[in-house]
Amino acid sequence: MEGLSPALPASPAPWFPGRFCKLLVYNVLELDAAADVFKHFLKFYNDYGDIIKETLSRARQIDKMQCAKTLCLSLQQLFSELVQETGLVYLRSSPLFSRIRDLARRLALTFGVDLIRIREPLVNLHK
């Protein structure tokens, strides 16, 4: 027993995001749960950016409309956290607000530049 290595690594950090994203991609979890992953896209881009981008791509393949709603949900959650932390005072000058704006820009770019192809999900999102 002493010579056996443990079945799981000592730290769950390297494999946890991949496993969670796999549950999302295979429809074990609802796509709404991906909002918690997408809102940390910029923060963990260096470590898990490829996993999050692939999850975003697969989520879009599963359901474009639900994926767009999930991205909005992640931005809304971040904005709610900002309002709770700072209140409405100097909201636009906050560094956290600029991070939310940068995240929104980055997530919008994942839709692509072909406006004809992404028109339907964006129109439905604004209804």
N, C-alpha and C. Protein backbone atom coordinates (compact mmCIF):
# COMPACT_ATOMS: atom_id res chain seq x y z
N MET A 1 0.81 -1.18 0.00
CA MET A 1 0.00 0.00 0.00
C MET A 1 0.86 1.26 0.00
N GLU A 2 2.02 1.22 0.62
CA GLU A 2 2.85 2.41 0.72
C GLU A 2 3.38 2.84 -0.64
N GLY A 3 3.62 1.92 -1.57
CA GLY A 3 4.20 2.23 -2.86
C GLY A 3 3.18 2.70 -3.90
N LEU A 4 1.90 2.61 -3.57
CA LEU A 4 0.88 3.00 -4.53
C LEU A 4 0.70 4.52 -4.55
N SER A 5 0.55 5.06 -5.74
CA SER A 5 0.30 6.50 -5.85
C SER A 5 -1.20 6.75 -5.74
N PRO A 6 -1.58 7.92 -5.28
CA PRO A 6 -3.02 8.22 -5.16
C PRO A 6 -3.67 8.28 -6.54
N ALA A 7 -4.96 7.97 -6.59
CA ALA A 7 -5.69 7.96 -7.86
C ALA A 7 -5.89 9.38 -8.40
N LEU A 8 -6.00 10.35 -7.52
CA LEU A 8 -6.20 11.73 -7.93
C LEU A 8 -4.98 12.56 -7.54
N PRO A 9 -4.69 13.62 -8.29
CA PRO A 9 -3.58 14.47 -7.90
C PRO A 9 -3.86 15.17 -6.58
N ALA A 10 -2.80 15.61 -5.92
CA ALA A 10 -2.95 16.26 -4.62
C ALA A 10 -3.75 17.55 -4.75
N SER A 11 -3.58 18.26 -5.84
CA SER A 11 -4.30 19.51 -6.05
C SER A 11 -5.30 19.33 -7.19
N PRO A 12 -6.59 19.66 -6.97
CA PRO A 12 -7.57 19.47 -8.02
C PRO A 12 -7.52 20.56 -9.10
N ALA A 13 -6.72 21.58 -8.92
CA ALA A 13 -6.70 22.73 -9.82
C ALA A 13 -6.42 22.37 -11.28
N PRO A 14 -5.46 21.51 -11.61
CA PRO A 14 -5.18 21.29 -13.03
C PRO A 14 -6.29 20.58 -13.79
N TRP A 15 -7.04 19.73 -13.17
CA TRP A 15 -8.02 18.96 -13.92
C TRP A 15 -9.45 19.41 -13.69
N PHE A 16 -9.73 20.20 -12.67
CA PHE A 16 -11.11 20.59 -12.35
C PHE A 16 -11.80 21.37 -13.47
N PRO A 17 -11.20 22.43 -14.03
CA PRO A 17 -11.90 23.17 -15.10
C PRO A 17 -12.20 22.30 -16.31
N GLY A 18 -11.28 21.43 -16.66
CA GLY A 18 -11.51 20.55 -17.80
C GLY A 18 -12.68 19.60 -17.56
N ARG A 19 -12.75 19.04 -16.39
CA ARG A 19 -13.84 18.11 -16.06
C ARG A 19 -15.18 18.83 -16.02
N PHE A 20 -15.20 20.02 -15.42
CA PHE A 20 -16.44 20.79 -15.33
C PHE A 20 -16.93 21.17 -16.73
N CYS A 21 -16.01 21.62 -17.58
CA CYS A 21 -16.37 21.99 -18.94
C CYS A 21 -16.84 20.79 -19.75
N LYS A 22 -16.28 19.63 -19.47
CA LYS A 22 -16.71 18.42 -20.16
C LYS A 22 -18.15 18.08 -19.78
N LEU A 23 -18.52 18.29 -18.52
CA LEU A 23 -19.90 18.07 -18.10
C LEU A 23 -20.86 19.01 -18.82
N LEU A 24 -20.41 20.22 -19.06
CA LEU A 24 -21.23 21.19 -19.79
C LEU A 24 -21.40 20.78 -21.25
N VAL A 25 -20.30 20.37 -21.88
CA VAL A 25 -20.32 20.04 -23.30
C VAL A 25 -21.18 18.80 -23.57
N TYR A 26 -21.17 17.85 -22.66
CA TYR A 26 -21.96 16.63 -22.86
C TYR A 26 -23.36 16.73 -22.27
N ASN A 27 -23.83 17.94 -22.00
CA ASN A 27 -25.19 18.21 -21.53
C ASN A 27 -25.54 17.54 -20.21
N VAL A 28 -24.55 17.25 -19.39
CA VAL A 28 -24.82 16.72 -18.06
C VAL A 28 -25.30 17.88 -17.18
N LEU A 29 -24.69 19.04 -17.37
CA LEU A 29 -25.10 20.26 -16.68
C LEU A 29 -25.76 21.20 -17.69
N GLU A 30 -26.64 22.05 -17.20
CA GLU A 30 -27.27 23.06 -18.06
C GLU A 30 -26.22 24.06 -18.52
N LEU A 31 -26.45 24.68 -19.67
CA LEU A 31 -25.52 25.67 -20.17
C LEU A 31 -25.45 26.91 -19.27
N ASP A 32 -26.50 27.15 -18.48
CA ASP A 32 -26.47 28.29 -17.56
C ASP A 32 -25.33 28.17 -16.55
N ALA A 33 -24.95 26.95 -16.23
CA ALA A 33 -23.85 26.74 -15.29
C ALA A 33 -22.52 27.21 -15.87
N ALA A 34 -22.45 27.34 -17.18
CA ALA A 34 -21.23 27.80 -17.83
C ALA A 34 -20.97 29.28 -17.57
N ALA A 35 -21.97 30.01 -17.09
CA ALA A 35 -21.78 31.44 -16.80
C ALA A 35 -20.67 31.62 -15.76
N ASP A 36 -20.59 30.71 -14.81
CA ASP A 36 -19.53 30.81 -13.80
C ASP A 36 -18.15 30.59 -14.40
N VAL A 37 -18.08 29.83 -15.48
CA VAL A 37 -16.80 29.61 -16.16
C VAL A 37 -16.47 30.81 -17.04
N PHE A 38 -17.46 31.26 -17.83
CA PHE A 38 -17.21 32.32 -18.79
C PHE A 38 -16.85 33.66 -18.13
N LYS A 39 -17.37 33.90 -16.93
CA LYS A 39 -17.07 35.18 -16.30
C LYS A 39 -15.61 35.26 -15.81
N HIS A 40 -14.93 34.13 -15.76
CA HIS A 40 -13.52 34.12 -15.37
C HIS A 40 -12.59 33.91 -16.56
N PHE A 41 -13.11 34.15 -17.76
CA PHE A 41 -12.35 33.91 -18.99
C PHE A 41 -11.05 34.70 -19.02
N LEU A 42 -11.10 35.99 -18.75
CA LEU A 42 -9.88 36.81 -18.80
C LEU A 42 -8.96 36.54 -17.62
N LYS A 43 -9.54 36.29 -16.48
CA LYS A 43 -8.75 36.08 -15.27
C LYS A 43 -7.86 34.84 -15.38
N PHE A 44 -8.39 33.78 -15.96
CA PHE A 44 -7.65 32.53 -16.05
C PHE A 44 -7.29 32.19 -17.49
N TYR A 45 -7.17 33.20 -18.34
CA TYR A 45 -6.91 32.97 -19.76
C TYR A 45 -5.60 32.22 -19.98
N ASN A 46 -4.55 32.58 -19.27
CA ASN A 46 -3.25 31.94 -19.47
C ASN A 46 -3.27 30.46 -19.11
N ASP A 47 -3.98 30.11 -18.04
CA ASP A 47 -3.99 28.72 -17.59
C ASP A 47 -5.04 27.86 -18.29
N TYR A 48 -6.26 28.41 -18.45
CA TYR A 48 -7.38 27.60 -18.93
C TYR A 48 -8.08 28.20 -20.14
N GLY A 49 -7.45 29.15 -20.82
CA GLY A 49 -8.07 29.82 -21.96
C GLY A 49 -8.50 28.88 -23.06
N ASP A 50 -7.67 27.91 -23.38
CA ASP A 50 -8.02 26.97 -24.45
C ASP A 50 -9.21 26.10 -24.08
N ILE A 51 -9.30 25.72 -22.81
CA ILE A 51 -10.43 24.91 -22.35
C ILE A 51 -11.71 25.73 -22.40
N ILE A 52 -11.65 26.98 -21.94
CA ILE A 52 -12.83 27.83 -21.93
C ILE A 52 -13.27 28.17 -23.35
N LYS A 53 -12.32 28.43 -24.25
CA LYS A 53 -12.67 28.73 -25.64
C LYS A 53 -13.33 27.53 -26.31
N GLU A 54 -12.82 26.35 -26.05
CA GLU A 54 -13.42 25.14 -26.64
C GLU A 54 -14.82 24.91 -26.08
N THR A 55 -14.99 25.15 -24.78
CA THR A 55 -16.31 25.01 -24.18
C THR A 55 -17.28 26.00 -24.79
N LEU A 56 -16.82 27.22 -24.99
CA LEU A 56 -17.66 28.25 -25.61
C LEU A 56 -18.05 27.85 -27.04
N SER A 57 -17.10 27.31 -27.77
CA SER A 57 -17.36 26.88 -29.13
C SER A 57 -18.38 25.73 -29.17
N ARG A 58 -18.20 24.77 -28.30
CA ARG A 58 -19.13 23.63 -28.26
C ARG A 58 -20.51 24.05 -27.77
N ALA A 59 -20.54 24.98 -26.80
CA ALA A 59 -21.82 25.47 -26.31
C ALA A 59 -22.58 26.17 -27.43
N ARG A 60 -21.87 26.90 -28.26
CA ARG A 60 -22.49 27.58 -29.39
C ARG A 60 -23.03 26.57 -30.39
N GLN A 61 -22.32 25.45 -30.58
CA GLN A 61 -22.78 24.40 -31.48
C GLN A 61 -24.04 23.72 -30.94
N ILE A 62 -24.11 23.56 -29.63
CA ILE A 62 -25.26 22.91 -29.02
C ILE A 62 -26.52 23.76 -29.19
N ASP A 63 -26.42 25.04 -28.80
CA ASP A 63 -27.57 25.94 -28.88
C ASP A 63 -27.07 27.37 -28.89
N LYS A 64 -27.15 28.00 -30.04
CA LYS A 64 -26.61 29.36 -30.19
C LYS A 64 -27.32 30.35 -29.29
N MET A 65 -28.64 30.23 -29.21
CA MET A 65 -29.41 31.18 -28.41
C MET A 65 -29.10 31.02 -26.92
N GLN A 66 -29.07 29.81 -26.44
CA GLN A 66 -28.78 29.58 -25.03
C GLN A 66 -27.35 30.00 -24.70
N CYS A 67 -26.44 29.81 -25.62
CA CYS A 67 -25.06 30.24 -25.41
C CYS A 67 -24.99 31.75 -25.27
N ALA A 68 -25.70 32.47 -26.13
CA ALA A 68 -25.72 33.94 -26.04
C ALA A 68 -26.32 34.40 -24.71
N LYS A 69 -27.39 33.73 -24.27
CA LYS A 69 -28.00 34.08 -22.98
C LYS A 69 -27.05 33.79 -21.83
N THR A 70 -26.30 32.72 -21.94
CA THR A 70 -25.34 32.37 -20.89
C THR A 70 -24.22 33.41 -20.80
N LEU A 71 -23.76 33.89 -21.96
CA LEU A 71 -22.74 34.93 -21.95
C LEU A 71 -23.26 36.21 -21.30
N CYS A 72 -24.50 36.55 -21.60
CA CYS A 72 -25.10 37.73 -20.96
C CYS A 72 -25.25 37.52 -19.45
N LEU A 73 -25.62 36.31 -19.07
CA LEU A 73 -25.75 36.00 -17.65
C LEU A 73 -24.42 36.16 -16.93
N SER A 74 -23.34 35.73 -17.55
CA SER A 74 -22.03 35.86 -16.91
C SER A 74 -21.65 37.33 -16.74
N LEU A 75 -21.96 38.16 -17.74
CA LEU A 75 -21.68 39.60 -17.62
C LEU A 75 -22.57 40.25 -16.57
N GLN A 76 -23.82 39.82 -16.49
CA GLN A 76 -24.73 40.35 -15.47
C GLN A 76 -24.26 40.00 -14.07
N GLN A 77 -23.76 38.78 -13.90
CA GLN A 77 -23.26 38.37 -12.59
C GLN A 77 -22.07 39.22 -12.17
N LEU A 78 -21.16 39.47 -13.11
CA LEU A 78 -20.01 40.31 -12.80
C LEU A 78 -20.43 41.73 -12.46
N PHE A 79 -21.40 42.25 -13.20
CA PHE A 79 -21.88 43.61 -12.94
C PHE A 79 -22.57 43.68 -11.58
N SER A 80 -23.34 42.66 -11.22
CA SER A 80 -23.98 42.62 -9.91
C SER A 80 -22.94 42.61 -8.79
N GLU A 81 -21.87 41.85 -8.99
CA GLU A 81 -20.78 41.82 -8.00
C GLU A 81 -20.14 43.20 -7.88
N LEU A 82 -19.99 43.89 -8.99
CA LEU A 82 -19.41 45.23 -8.97
C LEU A 82 -20.30 46.20 -8.19
N VAL A 83 -21.59 46.14 -8.43
CA VAL A 83 -22.52 47.04 -7.73
C VAL A 83 -22.53 46.74 -6.24
N GLN A 84 -22.44 45.47 -5.88
CA GLN A 84 -22.41 45.12 -4.46
C GLN A 84 -21.14 45.61 -3.78
N GLU A 85 -20.02 45.54 -4.51
CA GLU A 85 -18.75 45.96 -3.93
C GLU A 85 -18.64 47.47 -3.80
N THR A 86 -18.99 48.19 -4.86
CA THR A 86 -18.74 49.62 -4.89
C THR A 86 -19.98 50.47 -4.77
N GLY A 87 -21.15 49.90 -4.97
CA GLY A 87 -22.35 50.71 -5.06
C GLY A 87 -22.38 51.35 -6.43
N LEU A 88 -23.19 52.33 -6.60
CA LEU A 88 -23.29 52.98 -7.91
C LEU A 88 -22.37 54.20 -8.01
N VAL A 89 -21.52 54.43 -7.04
CA VAL A 89 -20.63 55.58 -7.03
C VAL A 89 -19.42 55.28 -7.92
N TYR A 90 -19.13 56.15 -8.86
CA TYR A 90 -17.97 56.05 -9.76
C TYR A 90 -17.91 54.69 -10.44
N LEU A 91 -19.03 54.25 -10.92
CA LEU A 91 -19.12 52.93 -11.50
C LEU A 91 -18.26 52.78 -12.75
N ARG A 92 -18.35 53.73 -13.67
CA ARG A 92 -17.62 53.60 -14.93
C ARG A 92 -16.12 53.81 -14.78
N SER A 93 -15.70 54.44 -13.75
CA SER A 93 -14.27 54.66 -13.56
C SER A 93 -13.60 53.52 -12.80
N SER A 94 -14.39 52.55 -12.39
CA SER A 94 -13.85 51.43 -11.62
C SER A 94 -13.01 50.51 -12.51
N PRO A 95 -11.89 50.00 -12.00
CA PRO A 95 -11.09 49.05 -12.78
C PRO A 95 -11.85 47.75 -13.06
N LEU A 96 -12.71 47.36 -12.14
CA LEU A 96 -13.50 46.15 -12.37
C LEU A 96 -14.48 46.35 -13.52
N PHE A 97 -15.03 47.57 -13.64
CA PHE A 97 -15.93 47.86 -14.76
C PHE A 97 -15.19 47.76 -16.08
N SER A 98 -13.96 48.24 -16.13
CA SER A 98 -13.21 48.12 -17.39
C SER A 98 -12.87 46.66 -17.70
N ARG A 99 -12.67 45.84 -16.67
CA ARG A 99 -12.45 44.41 -16.92
C ARG A 99 -13.71 43.75 -17.46
N ILE A 100 -14.87 44.18 -16.96
CA ILE A 100 -16.14 43.64 -17.47
C ILE A 100 -16.32 44.05 -18.93
N ARG A 101 -15.99 45.30 -19.24
CA ARG A 101 -16.10 45.79 -20.62
C ARG A 101 -15.14 45.02 -21.54
N ASP A 102 -13.92 44.77 -21.08
CA ASP A 102 -12.96 44.00 -21.87
C ASP A 102 -13.44 42.56 -22.09
N LEU A 103 -14.01 41.98 -21.06
CA LEU A 103 -14.56 40.63 -21.19
C LEU A 103 -15.71 40.61 -22.19
N ALA A 104 -16.57 41.62 -22.14
CA ALA A 104 -17.69 41.69 -23.10
C ALA A 104 -17.17 41.81 -24.52
N ARG A 105 -16.13 42.61 -24.71
CA ARG A 105 -15.52 42.73 -26.04
C ARG A 105 -14.96 41.40 -26.52
N ARG A 106 -14.25 40.73 -25.64
CA ARG A 106 -13.62 39.46 -26.00
C ARG A 106 -14.67 38.39 -26.31
N LEU A 107 -15.73 38.36 -25.51
CA LEU A 107 -16.79 37.38 -25.75
C LEU A 107 -17.56 37.70 -27.03
N ALA A 108 -17.74 38.99 -27.33
CA ALA A 108 -18.42 39.37 -28.57
C ALA A 108 -17.60 38.93 -29.78
N LEU A 109 -16.29 38.99 -29.68
CA LEU A 109 -15.44 38.57 -30.79
C LEU A 109 -15.52 37.08 -31.05
N THR A 110 -15.90 36.30 -30.05
CA THR A 110 -16.00 34.86 -30.26
C THR A 110 -17.16 34.49 -31.17
N PHE A 111 -18.12 35.42 -31.34
CA PHE A 111 -19.22 35.15 -32.26
C PHE A 111 -18.77 35.21 -33.71
N GLY A 112 -17.69 35.92 -33.98
CA GLY A 112 -17.19 36.04 -35.33
C GLY A 112 -17.62 37.35 -35.97
N VAL A 113 -17.16 37.56 -37.19
CA VAL A 113 -17.45 38.82 -37.88
C VAL A 113 -18.49 38.65 -38.97
N ASP A 114 -18.92 37.43 -39.25
CA ASP A 114 -19.94 37.19 -40.26
C ASP A 114 -21.31 37.53 -39.68
N LEU A 115 -21.78 38.75 -39.95
CA LEU A 115 -23.01 39.24 -39.34
C LEU A 115 -24.25 38.47 -39.79
N ILE A 116 -24.22 37.93 -40.99
CA ILE A 116 -25.38 37.18 -41.47
C ILE A 116 -25.54 35.89 -40.68
N ARG A 117 -24.44 35.25 -40.36
CA ARG A 117 -24.48 33.98 -39.63
C ARG A 117 -24.90 34.16 -38.17
N ILE A 118 -24.53 35.28 -37.57
CA ILE A 118 -24.83 35.47 -36.14
C ILE A 118 -26.03 36.38 -35.92
N ARG A 119 -26.71 36.76 -36.97
CA ARG A 119 -27.82 37.70 -36.86
C ARG A 119 -28.94 37.15 -35.99
N GLU A 120 -29.37 35.93 -36.24
CA GLU A 120 -30.51 35.36 -35.52
C GLU A 120 -30.29 35.29 -34.00
N PRO A 121 -29.17 34.75 -33.53
CA PRO A 121 -28.98 34.72 -32.07
C PRO A 121 -28.93 36.12 -31.45
N LEU A 122 -28.32 37.08 -32.14
CA LEU A 122 -28.22 38.42 -31.59
C LEU A 122 -29.57 39.13 -31.57
N VAL A 123 -30.38 38.93 -32.59
CA VAL A 123 -31.72 39.53 -32.62
C VAL A 123 -32.58 38.93 -31.51
N ASN A 124 -32.55 37.62 -31.36
CA ASN A 124 -33.31 36.97 -30.30
C ASN A 124 -32.84 37.38 -28.93
N LEU A 125 -31.58 37.64 -28.80
CA LEU A 125 -31.03 38.06 -27.51
C LEU A 125 -31.57 39.43 -27.09
N HIS A 126 -31.79 40.29 -28.05
CA HIS A 126 -32.25 41.65 -27.75
C HIS A 126 -33.76 41.76 -27.63
N LYS A 127 -34.49 40.67 -27.80
CA LYS A 127 -35.95 40.71 -27.66
C LYS A 127 -36.35 40.74 -26.21
